[in-house]
Amino acid sequence: MTKVAILNYYNSSNFDEQQIVKAGDKVFSITDDHDLTKGKKYLVNRVISKTLIEVVNDKGILDVYSVEWFKLYK
């Protein structure tokens, strides 16, 4: 079974607004904090849980982030 994370998990009780992502999907940052750049695309390397994903940050380090910092890149 493929692990998935739910973007907008914390911000919305409306399931229609929640976005499902899996490893290999592209997301973009909605913050300039945590070694991320707002609006920049990142590749989801791995899904840790429904609220945590792993991406390579701006320093080139593979790190774990909360889904609250990202939106699905379409």
Protein backbone atom coordinates (compact mmCIF):
# COMPACT_ATOMS: atom_id res chain seq x y z
CA MET A 1 0.00 0.00 0.00
CA THR A 2 1.30 3.46 -0.94
CA LYS A 3 1.68 5.90 1.92
CA VAL A 4 -0.03 9.24 1.39
CA ALA A 5 0.05 12.57 3.19
CA ILE A 6 -2.81 15.04 3.37
CA LEU A 7 -1.90 18.64 2.57
CA ASN A 8 -4.07 21.20 4.31
CA TYR A 9 -4.66 18.57 7.02
CA TYR A 10 -4.54 21.08 9.88
CA ASN A 11 -6.26 24.01 8.18
CA SER A 12 -9.47 22.53 6.87
CA SER A 13 -12.18 20.24 8.09
CA ASN A 14 -13.56 20.29 4.54
CA PHE A 15 -12.24 17.10 2.93
CA ASP A 16 -12.83 18.58 -0.55
CA GLU A 17 -10.04 21.09 0.13
CA GLN A 18 -7.54 18.51 1.33
CA GLN A 19 -4.92 17.41 -1.19
CA ILE A 20 -3.44 13.91 -1.21
CA VAL A 21 0.27 13.53 -2.05
CA LYS A 22 2.60 10.56 -2.33
CA ALA A 23 6.32 10.08 -2.94
CA GLY A 24 7.27 11.52 -6.31
CA ASP A 25 4.63 14.27 -6.29
CA LYS A 26 5.58 17.94 -6.56
CA VAL A 27 4.57 20.47 -3.93
CA PHE A 28 5.35 24.14 -3.40
CA SER A 29 6.22 25.92 -0.19
CA ILE A 30 3.86 28.48 1.33
CA THR A 31 6.54 29.80 3.72
CA ASP A 32 10.02 31.32 3.67
CA ASP A 33 10.87 29.64 6.97
CA HIS A 34 12.50 26.29 7.79
CA ASP A 35 15.06 26.49 4.92
CA LEU A 36 12.25 26.67 2.35
CA THR A 37 11.43 29.37 -0.21
CA LYS A 38 7.83 30.51 -0.60
CA GLY A 39 6.52 29.52 -4.03
CA LYS A 40 9.42 27.18 -4.82
CA LYS A 41 8.69 23.65 -6.07
CA TYR A 42 9.92 20.64 -4.11
CA LEU A 43 9.74 16.92 -4.84
CA VAL A 44 8.24 14.69 -2.15
CA ASN A 45 10.98 12.14 -1.54
CA ARG A 46 9.05 10.08 0.98
CA VAL A 47 5.85 10.19 2.99
CA ILE A 48 6.49 9.61 6.68
CA SER A 49 2.86 9.83 7.83
CA LYS A 50 -0.34 11.59 6.83
CA THR A 51 1.06 14.82 8.28
CA LEU A 52 4.81 14.55 7.53
CA ILE A 53 6.72 14.52 4.23
CA GLU A 54 10.40 14.40 3.35
CA VAL A 55 11.87 16.89 0.84
CA VAL A 56 15.28 18.30 0.00
CA ASN A 57 15.38 21.83 1.43
CA ASP A 58 17.20 24.90 0.08
CA LYS A 59 20.40 23.85 1.84
CA GLY A 60 20.36 20.55 -0.08
CA ILE A 61 19.49 18.57 3.04
CA LEU A 62 16.85 15.84 2.98
CA ASP A 63 14.58 16.80 5.87
CA VAL A 64 11.14 16.03 7.29
CA TYR A 65 8.46 18.72 7.19
CA SER A 66 4.90 19.13 8.36
CA VAL A 67 2.34 19.18 5.56
CA GLU A 68 1.14 22.60 6.75
CA TRP A 69 4.06 24.25 4.90
CA PHE A 70 3.07 23.01 1.43
CA LYS A 71 0.41 22.99 -1.28
CA LEU A 72 0.13 20.59 -4.22
CA TYR A 73 1.89 21.77 -7.38
CA LYS A 74 -0.42 21.31 -10.37
